[in-house]
C-alpha atoms as a PDB file:
ATOM      1  CA  MET A   1      36.169   1.515  15.817  1.00  0.00           C
ATOM      2  CA  SER A   2      34.332   0.352  12.924  1.00  0.00           C
ATOM      3  CA  LEU A   3      34.370  -3.062  15.144  1.00  0.00           C
ATOM      4  CA  ILE A   4      33.275  -1.402  18.307  1.00  0.00           C
ATOM      5  CA  TYR A   5      30.237   0.378  16.443  1.00  0.00           C
ATOM      6  CA  ARG A   6      29.356  -2.938  15.284  1.00  0.00           C
ATOM      7  CA  VAL A   7      29.437  -4.491  18.272  1.00  0.00           C
ATOM      8  CA  VAL A   8      27.586  -1.375  19.983  1.00  0.00           C
ATOM      9  CA  SER A   9      24.981  -1.102  17.863  1.00  0.00           C
ATOM     10  CA  SER A  10      23.777  -4.794  17.769  1.00  0.00           C
ATOM     11  CA  VAL A  11      23.262  -4.456  21.532  1.00  0.00           C
ATOM     12  CA  PRO A  12      19.808  -3.521  21.540  1.00  0.00           C
ATOM     13  CA  HIS A  13      18.436  -5.847  19.112  1.00  0.00           C
ATOM     14  CA  ILE A  14      20.204  -8.480  21.275  1.00  0.00           C
ATOM     15  CA  LEU A  15      19.312  -7.208  24.780  1.00  0.00           C
ATOM     16  CA  PHE A  16      15.876  -5.768  23.667  1.00  0.00           C
ATOM     17  CA  LYS A  17      14.275  -8.127  21.536  1.00  0.00           C
ATOM     18  CA  PRO A  18      12.589 -10.045  24.258  1.00  0.00           C
ATOM     19  CA  VAL A  19      11.206  -6.763  25.300  1.00  0.00           C
ATOM     20  CA  TYR A  20       9.938  -5.641  22.190  1.00  0.00           C
ATOM     21  CA  ASP A  21       8.263  -9.179  21.430  1.00  0.00           C
ATOM     22  CA  LEU A  22       6.323  -8.959  25.241  1.00  0.00           C
ATOM     23  CA  TYR A  23       5.059  -5.588  23.670  1.00  0.00           C
ATOM     24  CA  GLU A  24       4.221  -6.910  20.549  1.00  0.00           C
ATOM     25  CA  SER A  25       2.060  -9.467  21.941  1.00  0.00           C
ATOM     26  CA  TYR A  26       0.596  -7.168  24.153  1.00  0.00           C
ATOM     27  CA  LEU A  27      -0.643  -4.680  21.539  1.00  0.00           C
ATOM     28  CA  PHE A  28      -1.651  -7.669  19.318  1.00  0.00           C
ATOM     29  CA  GLU A  29      -4.073  -9.062  22.102  1.00  0.00           C
ATOM     30  CA  LYS A  30      -5.299  -5.377  22.799  1.00  0.00           C
ATOM     31  CA  VAL A  31      -6.107  -4.715  19.180  1.00  0.00           C
ATOM     32  CA  LYS A  32      -7.490  -7.945  18.627  1.00  0.00           C
ATOM     33  CA  SER A  33      -9.623  -7.363  21.776  1.00  0.00           C
ATOM     34  CA  ARG A  34     -11.853  -4.989  19.689  1.00  0.00           C
ATOM     35  CA  PRO A  35     -12.665  -6.813  16.631  1.00  0.00           C
ATOM     36  CA  GLU A  36     -15.605  -4.337  15.492  1.00  0.00           C
ATOM     37  CA  ARG A  37     -13.168  -1.704  15.685  1.00  0.00           C
ATOM     38  CA  ILE A  38     -10.315  -3.432  13.597  1.00  0.00           C
ATOM     39  CA  PRO A  39      -9.676  -1.948  10.244  1.00  0.00           C
ATOM     40  CA  LYS A  40     -11.460  -3.181   6.908  1.00  0.00           C
ATOM     41  CA  HIS A  41      -8.678  -1.420   4.567  1.00  0.00           C
ATOM     42  CA  ILE A  42      -5.410   0.248   5.196  1.00  0.00           C
ATOM     43  CA  ALA A  43      -3.711   1.791   2.693  1.00  0.00           C
ATOM     44  CA  ILE A  44      -0.001   3.209   2.716  1.00  0.00           C
ATOM     45  CA  ILE A  45       2.571   5.594   0.941  1.00  0.00           C
ATOM     46  CA  MET A  46       5.623   3.216   1.424  1.00  0.00           C
ATOM     47  CA  ASP A  47       8.163   6.479   1.446  1.00  0.00           C
ATOM     48  CA  GLY A  48      11.892   6.259   2.480  1.00  0.00           C
ATOM     49  CA  ASN A  49      13.290   3.336   0.800  1.00  0.00           C
ATOM     50  CA  ARG A  50      15.608   5.540  -1.035  1.00  0.00           C
ATOM     51  CA  ARG A  51      16.595   7.663   1.995  1.00  0.00           C
ATOM     52  CA  TRP A  52      17.175   4.431   3.929  1.00  0.00           C
ATOM     53  CA  ALA A  53      19.604   2.698   1.342  1.00  0.00           C
ATOM     54  CA  ARG A  54      21.657   6.172   0.833  1.00  0.00           C
ATOM     55  CA  ILE A  55      22.166   5.764   5.264  1.00  0.00           C
ATOM     56  CA  LEU A  56      23.817   2.640   4.372  1.00  0.00           C
ATOM     57  CA  ASN A  57      25.831   3.884   1.364  1.00  0.00           C
ATOM     58  CA  LYS A  58      23.754   1.535  -0.835  1.00  0.00           C
ATOM     59  CA  PRO A  59      21.875   2.125  -4.428  1.00  0.00           C
ATOM     60  CA  PRO A  60      18.311   3.276  -4.188  1.00  0.00           C
ATOM     61  CA  TRP A  61      17.683  -0.029  -5.862  1.00  0.00           C
ATOM     62  CA  TYR A  62      18.640  -1.611  -2.551  1.00  0.00           C
ATOM     63  CA  GLY A  63      15.962   0.249  -0.324  1.00  0.00           C
ATOM     64  CA  HIS A  64      13.449  -0.771  -2.677  1.00  0.00           C
ATOM     65  CA  LEU A  65      14.009  -4.214  -2.523  1.00  0.00           C
ATOM     66  CA  PHE A  66      13.933  -4.175   0.990  1.00  0.00           C
ATOM     67  CA  GLY A  67      10.713  -2.442   0.855  1.00  0.00           C
ATOM     68  CA  SER A  68       9.291  -4.874  -1.191  1.00  0.00           C
ATOM     69  CA  LYS A  69      10.059  -7.455   1.519  1.00  0.00           C
ATOM     70  CA  LYS A  70       8.276  -5.466   4.198  1.00  0.00           C
ATOM     71  CA  LEU A  71       5.569  -5.034   2.193  1.00  0.00           C
ATOM     72  CA  GLU A  72       5.380  -9.253   2.355  1.00  0.00           C
ATOM     73  CA  GLU A  73       5.507  -8.849   6.027  1.00  0.00           C
ATOM     74  CA  ILE A  74       2.490  -6.391   6.037  1.00  0.00           C
ATOM     75  CA  LEU A  75       0.610  -8.495   4.398  1.00  0.00           C
ATOM     76  CA  GLU A  76       1.227 -10.868   6.757  1.00  0.00           C
ATOM     77  CA  TRP A  77       0.214  -8.605  10.008  1.00  0.00           C
ATOM     78  CA  CYS A  78      -2.862  -7.974   7.930  1.00  0.00           C
ATOM     79  CA  ARG A  79      -4.030 -11.496   7.254  1.00  0.00           C
ATOM     80  CA  ASP A  80      -3.419 -12.201  11.092  1.00  0.00           C
ATOM     81  CA  LEU A  81      -5.997  -8.996  12.136  1.00  0.00           C
ATOM     82  CA  GLY A  82      -8.417 -10.098   9.421  1.00  0.00           C
ATOM     83  CA  ILE A  83      -8.039  -6.957   7.806  1.00  0.00           C
ATOM     84  CA  ARG A  84      -9.465  -7.873   4.237  1.00  0.00           C
ATOM     85  CA  THR A  85      -7.868  -4.886   2.139  1.00  0.00           C
ATOM     86  CA  LEU A  86      -4.236  -3.601   1.645  1.00  0.00           C
ATOM     87  CA  THR A  87      -3.616  -0.551  -0.558  1.00  0.00           C
ATOM     88  CA  VAL A  88      -0.121   0.610  -1.264  1.00  0.00           C
ATOM     89  CA  TYR A  89       1.283   3.574  -3.339  1.00  0.00           C
ATOM     90  CA  ALA A  90       4.073   1.920  -5.443  1.00  0.00           C
ATOM     91  CA  PHE A  91       5.346   4.361  -8.328  1.00  0.00           C
ATOM     92  CA  SER A  92       3.591   7.631  -9.169  1.00  0.00           C
ATOM     93  CA  THR A  93       3.151   8.933 -11.983  1.00  0.00           C
ATOM     94  CA  GLU A  94       5.854  11.843 -11.252  1.00  0.00           C
ATOM     95  CA  ASN A  95       8.232   8.844 -10.407  1.00  0.00           C
ATOM     96  CA  PHE A  96       8.924   8.663 -13.975  1.00  0.00           C
ATOM     97  CA  ASN A  97      10.530  11.547 -13.742  1.00  0.00           C
ATOM     98  CA  ARG A  98      13.347  10.027 -11.632  1.00  0.00           C
ATOM     99  CA  SER A  99      16.676   8.491 -12.942  1.00  0.00           C
ATOM    100  CA  LYS A 100      16.462   6.063 -16.066  1.00  0.00           C
ATOM    101  CA  GLU A 101      18.441   3.682 -13.994  1.00  0.00           C
ATOM    102  CA  GLU A 102      16.232   3.801 -11.119  1.00  0.00           C
ATOM    103  CA  VAL A 103      13.141   3.747 -13.048  1.00  0.00           C
ATOM    104  CA  LYS A 104      14.602   0.689 -15.197  1.00  0.00           C
ATOM    105  CA  MET A 105      15.504  -0.803 -11.458  1.00  0.00           C
ATOM    106  CA  LEU A 106      12.154  -0.414 -10.207  1.00  0.00           C
ATOM    107  CA  MET A 107      10.637  -1.208 -13.193  1.00  0.00           C
ATOM    108  CA  ASP A 108      12.431  -5.176 -13.450  1.00  0.00           C
ATOM    109  CA  LEU A 109      11.807  -5.177  -9.522  1.00  0.00           C
ATOM    110  CA  PHE A 110       7.761  -4.852 -10.442  1.00  0.00           C
ATOM    111  CA  GLU A 111       7.978  -7.307 -12.803  1.00  0.00           C
ATOM    112  CA  LYS A 112       9.556  -9.541 -11.013  1.00  0.00           C
ATOM    113  CA  LYS A 113       7.494  -9.471  -7.564  1.00  0.00           C
ATOM    114  CA  PHE A 114       4.518  -9.571 -10.079  1.00  0.00           C
ATOM    115  CA  LYS A 115       5.254 -12.752 -11.671  1.00  0.00           C
ATOM    116  CA  GLU A 116       5.874 -14.128  -7.847  1.00  0.00           C
ATOM    117  CA  LEU A 117       2.859 -13.430  -6.590  1.00  0.00           C
ATOM    118  CA  ILE A 118       1.544 -15.599  -9.497  1.00  0.00           C
ATOM    119  CA  HIS A 119       2.800 -18.667  -8.091  1.00  0.00           C
ATOM    120  CA  ASP A 120       2.976 -17.919  -4.366  1.00  0.00           C
ATOM    121  CA  ARG A 121       1.195 -20.397  -2.686  1.00  0.00           C
ATOM    122  CA  ARG A 122      -0.153 -17.826   0.356  1.00  0.00           C
ATOM    123  CA  VAL A 123      -2.015 -15.894  -2.457  1.00  0.00           C
ATOM    124  CA  HIS A 124      -4.006 -18.782  -3.601  1.00  0.00           C
ATOM    125  CA  LYS A 125      -4.266 -20.352  -0.131  1.00  0.00           C
ATOM    126  CA  TYR A 126      -5.195 -17.404   1.612  1.00  0.00           C
ATOM    127  CA  GLY A 127      -7.730 -16.145  -1.818  1.00  0.00           C
ATOM    128  CA  ILE A 128      -5.450 -13.077  -2.201  1.00  0.00           C
ATOM    129  CA  ARG A 129      -6.806 -11.107  -4.982  1.00  0.00           C
ATOM    130  CA  VAL A 130      -4.421  -8.539  -6.728  1.00  0.00           C
ATOM    131  CA  ASN A 131      -5.433  -5.321  -8.640  1.00  0.00           C
ATOM    132  CA  VAL A 132      -3.634  -2.780  -9.898  1.00  0.00           C
ATOM    133  CA  LEU A 133      -4.595   0.846 -10.256  1.00  0.00           C
ATOM    134  CA  GLY A 134      -2.917   3.270 -12.550  1.00  0.00           C
ATOM    135  CA  ARG A 135      -2.380   4.320 -15.705  1.00  0.00           C
ATOM    136  CA  LYS A 136      -0.979   0.796 -17.117  1.00  0.00           C
ATOM    137  CA  GLU A 137      -0.564   1.721 -20.438  1.00  0.00           C
ATOM    138  CA  LEU A 138       2.418   4.027 -19.308  1.00  0.00           C
ATOM    139  CA  LEU A 139       4.326   0.914 -18.075  1.00  0.00           C
ATOM    140  CA  PRO A 140       6.935  -0.701 -20.335  1.00  0.00           C
ATOM    141  CA  GLU A 141       5.076  -3.865 -21.810  1.00  0.00           C
ATOM    142  CA  ASN A 142       6.716  -6.526 -19.807  1.00  0.00           C
ATOM    143  CA  VAL A 143       5.499  -4.833 -16.723  1.00  0.00           C
ATOM    144  CA  ARG A 144       2.388  -4.556 -17.846  1.00  0.00           C
ATOM    145  CA  LYS A 145       1.885  -7.782 -18.946  1.00  0.00           C
ATOM    146  CA  ALA A 146       3.422  -9.152 -15.531  1.00  0.00           C
ATOM    147  CA  ALA A 147       0.619  -6.864 -13.954  1.00  0.00           C
ATOM    148  CA  GLU A 148      -2.373  -8.316 -16.071  1.00  0.00           C
ATOM    149  CA  GLU A 149      -1.278 -11.609 -15.421  1.00  0.00           C
ATOM    150  CA  ALA A 150      -1.532 -11.477 -11.620  1.00  0.00           C
ATOM    151  CA  GLU A 151      -4.607  -9.767 -11.901  1.00  0.00           C
ATOM    152  CA  GLN A 152      -6.340 -12.659 -14.099  1.00  0.00           C
ATOM    153  CA  ALA A 153      -4.529 -15.483 -12.094  1.00  0.00           C
ATOM    154  CA  THR A 154      -6.462 -14.087  -8.876  1.00  0.00           C
ATOM    155  CA  LYS A 155      -9.290 -12.147  -9.990  1.00  0.00           C
ATOM    156  CA  LYS A 156     -11.789 -15.140  -8.572  1.00  0.00           C
ATOM    157  CA  TYR A 157     -10.313 -14.700  -4.755  1.00  0.00           C
ATOM    158  CA  ASN A 158     -12.308 -12.268  -2.971  1.00  0.00           C
ATOM    159  CA  ASN A 159     -10.966 -13.303   0.782  1.00  0.00           C
ATOM    160  CA  TYR A 160      -8.440 -10.551   0.808  1.00  0.00           C
ATOM    161  CA  ASN A 161      -7.735  -7.593  -1.535  1.00  0.00           C
ATOM    162  CA  LEU A 162      -4.025  -6.427  -2.240  1.00  0.00           C
ATOM    163  CA  ASN A 163      -4.190  -3.059  -4.489  1.00  0.00           C
ATOM    164  CA  ILE A 164      -0.863  -1.850  -5.811  1.00  0.00           C
ATOM    165  CA  ALA A 165      -0.698   1.640  -7.309  1.00  0.00           C
ATOM    166  CA  ILE A 166       1.181   1.730  -9.753  1.00  0.00           C
ATOM    167  CA  ALA A 167       1.844   4.753 -12.560  1.00  0.00           C
ATOM    168  CA  TYR A 168      -0.522   6.366 -10.431  1.00  0.00           C
ATOM    169  CA  GLY A 169      -1.926   9.979  -9.729  1.00  0.00           C
ATOM    170  CA  GLY A 170      -5.067  10.336  -7.639  1.00  0.00           C
ATOM    171  CA  ARG A 171      -5.999  13.392  -9.575  1.00  0.00           C
ATOM    172  CA  SER A 172      -5.024  10.891 -12.768  1.00  0.00           C
ATOM    173  CA  GLU A 173      -8.054   8.509 -11.567  1.00  0.00           C
ATOM    174  CA  ILE A 174     -10.207  11.167 -11.045  1.00  0.00           C
ATOM    175  CA  VAL A 175      -9.791  12.091 -14.729  1.00  0.00           C
ATOM    176  CA  ASP A 176      -9.948   9.231 -16.628  1.00  0.00           C
ATOM    177  CA  ALA A 177     -13.162   8.133 -14.256  1.00  0.00           C
ATOM    178  CA  VAL A 178     -15.092  11.509 -15.748  1.00  0.00           C
ATOM    179  CA  LYS A 179     -13.704  10.667 -19.203  1.00  0.00           C
ATOM    180  CA  ARG A 180     -15.144   6.934 -19.164  1.00  0.00           C
ATOM    181  CA  ILE A 181     -18.318   8.694 -17.879  1.00  0.00           C
ATOM    182  CA  VAL A 182     -18.979  11.223 -20.971  1.00  0.00           C
ATOM    183  CA  ASP A 183     -18.007   8.279 -23.236  1.00  0.00           C
ATOM    184  CA  ASP A 184     -21.152   6.296 -21.548  1.00  0.00           C
ATOM    185  CA  ILE A 185     -23.032   9.277 -21.736  1.00  0.00           C
ATOM    186  CA  GLN A 186     -22.338  10.164 -25.394  1.00  0.00           C
ATOM    187  CA  VAL A 187     -23.392   6.073 -26.420  1.00  0.00           C
ATOM    188  CA  GLY A 188     -26.345   6.371 -24.175  1.00  0.00           C
ATOM    189  CA  LYS A 189     -25.283   4.234 -21.604  1.00  0.00           C
ATOM    190  CA  LEU A 190     -25.982   6.927 -18.775  1.00  0.00           C
ATOM    191  CA  ASN A 191     -28.030  10.122 -18.521  1.00  0.00           C
ATOM    192  CA  LYS A 192     -25.837  13.026 -16.484  1.00  0.00           C
ATOM    193  CA  ASN A 193     -28.798  13.410 -13.953  1.00  0.00           C
ATOM    194  CA  GLU A 194     -27.550   9.925 -12.965  1.00  0.00           C
ATOM    195  CA  ILE A 195     -24.204  11.127 -11.827  1.00  0.00           C
ATOM    196  CA  ASP A 196     -23.476  10.982  -8.343  1.00  0.00           C
ATOM    197  CA  GLU A 197     -21.011   9.915  -5.638  1.00  0.00           C
ATOM    198  CA  LYS A 198     -21.910   5.864  -5.667  1.00  0.00           C
ATOM    199  CA  LEU A 199     -21.855   6.063  -9.606  1.00  0.00           C
ATOM    200  CA  LEU A 200     -18.364   8.047  -9.742  1.00  0.00           C
ATOM    201  CA  LYS A 201     -16.580   5.209  -7.584  1.00  0.00           C
ATOM    202  CA  ARG A 202     -18.073   2.437 -10.443  1.00  0.00           C
ATOM    203  CA  TYR A 203     -15.530   4.461 -12.717  1.00  0.00           C
ATOM    204  CA  LEU A 204     -12.549   4.479 -10.744  1.00  0.00           C
ATOM    205  CA  TYR A 205      -9.782   2.106 -11.230  1.00  0.00           C
ATOM    206  CA  VAL A 206     -11.184  -0.683  -8.803  1.00  0.00           C
ATOM    207  CA  PRO A 207     -14.905   0.021  -9.337  1.00  0.00           C
ATOM    208  CA  ASN A 208     -16.503   0.442  -5.852  1.00  0.00           C
ATOM    209  CA  MET A 209     -13.429  -0.104  -3.868  1.00  0.00           C
ATOM    210  CA  THR A 210     -14.140   0.415  -0.036  1.00  0.00           C
ATOM    211  CA  ASP A 211     -13.123   3.537   0.971  1.00  0.00           C
ATOM    212  CA  PRO A 212      -9.581   3.337   3.508  1.00  0.00           C
ATOM    213  CA  ASP A 213     -10.360   3.110   7.263  1.00  0.00           C
ATOM    214  CA  ILE A 214      -6.735   4.272   7.601  1.00  0.00           C
ATOM    215  CA  VAL A 215      -3.923   5.877   5.517  1.00  0.00           C
ATOM    216  CA  ILE A 216      -0.314   5.388   6.838  1.00  0.00           C
ATOM    217  CA  ARG A 217       2.480   7.204   5.839  1.00  0.00           C
ATOM    218  CA  THR A 218       5.877   6.023   6.565  1.00  0.00           C
ATOM    219  CA  GLY A 219       9.348   8.424   6.011  1.00  0.00           C
ATOM    220  CA  GLY A 220       8.568  11.655   8.094  1.00  0.00           C
ATOM    221  CA  GLU A 221       6.686  13.779   5.502  1.00  0.00           C
ATOM    222  CA  VAL A 222       3.467  14.876   6.181  1.00  0.00           C
ATOM    223  CA  ARG A 223       1.368  14.988   3.173  1.00  0.00           C
ATOM    224  CA  ILE A 224      -0.916  12.677   0.404  1.00  0.00           C
ATOM    225  CA  SER A 225       1.159  13.210  -2.190  1.00  0.00           C
ATOM    226  CA  ASN A 226      -1.850  12.698  -4.830  1.00  0.00           C
ATOM    227  CA  PHE A 227      -2.984   9.165  -3.565  1.00  0.00           C
ATOM    228  CA  LEU A 228      -6.504   8.136  -3.730  1.00  0.00           C
ATOM    229  CA  ILE A 229      -7.642  11.584  -3.400  1.00  0.00           C
ATOM    230  CA  TYR A 230     -11.209  10.596  -3.631  1.00  0.00           C
ATOM    231  CA  GLN A 231     -11.329   7.682  -1.419  1.00  0.00           C
ATOM    232  CA  ILE A 232      -9.689   8.996   1.583  1.00  0.00           C
ATOM    233  CA  ALA A 233     -12.099  11.981   2.276  1.00  0.00           C
ATOM    234  CA  TYR A 234     -12.730  10.632   5.613  1.00  0.00           C
ATOM    235  CA  SER A 235      -9.642   8.159   6.205  1.00  0.00           C
ATOM    236  CA  GLU A 236      -7.959   8.627   9.762  1.00  0.00           C
ATOM    237  CA  LEU A 237      -4.337   9.656   8.812  1.00  0.00           C
ATOM    238  CA  PHE A 238      -0.960   8.419   9.988  1.00  0.00           C
ATOM    239  CA  PHE A 239       2.626   9.758   9.565  1.00  0.00           C
ATOM    240  CA  VAL A 240       5.405   8.090  11.159  1.00  0.00           C
ATOM    241  CA  ASP A 241       9.232   9.079  10.922  1.00  0.00           C
ATOM    242  CA  VAL A 242      10.401   5.540  10.338  1.00  0.00           C
ATOM    243  CA  TYR A 243      11.540   4.885   6.648  1.00  0.00           C
ATOM    244  CA  PHE A 244       9.386   1.824   5.255  1.00  0.00           C
ATOM    245  CA  PRO A 245      12.028  -0.645   5.191  1.00  0.00           C
ATOM    246  CA  GLU A 246      12.112  -0.179   8.878  1.00  0.00           C
ATOM    247  CA  PHE A 247       8.515   0.092   9.967  1.00  0.00           C
ATOM    248  CA  ARG A 248       7.717  -2.698  12.767  1.00  0.00           C
ATOM    249  CA  LYS A 249       5.078  -4.524  13.351  1.00  0.00           C
ATOM    250  CA  ILE A 250       5.076  -2.728  16.794  1.00  0.00           C
ATOM    251  CA  ASP A 251       4.585   0.725  15.011  1.00  0.00           C
ATOM    252  CA  PHE A 252       1.653  -1.023  12.955  1.00  0.00           C
ATOM    253  CA  LEU A 253       0.078  -2.397  15.696  1.00  0.00           C
ATOM    254  CA  ARG A 254       0.272   0.822  17.996  1.00  0.00           C
ATOM    255  CA  ILE A 255      -1.078   2.749  14.836  1.00  0.00           C
ATOM    256  CA  ILE A 256      -4.271   0.610  14.471  1.00  0.00           C
ATOM    257  CA  ARG A 257      -4.507   0.434  18.356  1.00  0.00           C
ATOM    258  CA  GLU A 258      -4.548   4.350  18.396  1.00  0.00           C
ATOM    259  CA  TYR A 259      -7.183   4.366  15.319  1.00  0.00           C
ATOM    260  CA  GLN A 260      -9.421   2.009  17.611  1.00  0.00           C
ATOM    261  CA  LYS A 261      -9.674   5.219  20.241  1.00  0.00           C
ATOM    262  CA  ARG A 262     -10.667   7.706  17.749  1.00  0.00           C
ATOM    263  CA  ASP A 263     -14.123   8.770  17.257  1.00  0.00           C
ATOM    264  CA  ARG A 264     -14.948   8.460  13.506  1.00  0.00           C
ATOM    265  CA  ARG A 265     -18.145  11.096  12.906  1.00  0.00           C
ATOM    266  CA  PHE A 266     -18.050  11.397   9.137  1.00  0.00           C
ATOM    267  CA  GLY A 267     -18.910  14.981   9.606  1.00  0.00           C
ATOM    268  CA  LYS A 268     -21.710  14.171  11.740  1.00  0.00           C
END
């Protein structure tokens, strides 16, 4: 029976791939036909790696590994469309409460991927700047060092931005910004009457980062989970059922196509 199941389950991938490819090309052209409505900044909550691995009877690290590969694909999709900024939620402050084994596996993966970014020819060819958002002091020293080296190696680039939220919490970001503002008031660099929304943005983890046009959450959950709380006040939100390793370019393009149809009034 298992052999029959494997054969049958492979049929859609074989027979329908030309249809998928055709539909993907159609969507891509539709999206590109409205360049003025292509988002400048997309943020993604990369959810569902562990559940995807569980379905395959694999350990959690297997899902995280394939999730990292999916992120590389999404970077290519963004570049193809001219989307300049991608922000991803990789690891929250709450994620430290997971099992020691899983956290260790994730930290090893982060270190490996940061080191790969430093030497990735695409990063340097296309001018991708890497920014790490979060309380980096909570990371193991080897991971923090690799993250800072990736930032240093790409700080001169400004064509594209890859923002990686790790040891991150949206409320923590606001608290940390307020603390830095208070410090500057106490030493006379700021007057409290100067504080407004624009000034607060200068004190966030990535100063003056553009707000996301779109926030995507994979994995079927319908919540924000403490992600970019300040920045997404007027972002368009999309929640999809597919687990992150299964997220397809078709799904990505359909979201952008729907975004292009929405009327963004920003409260007006």
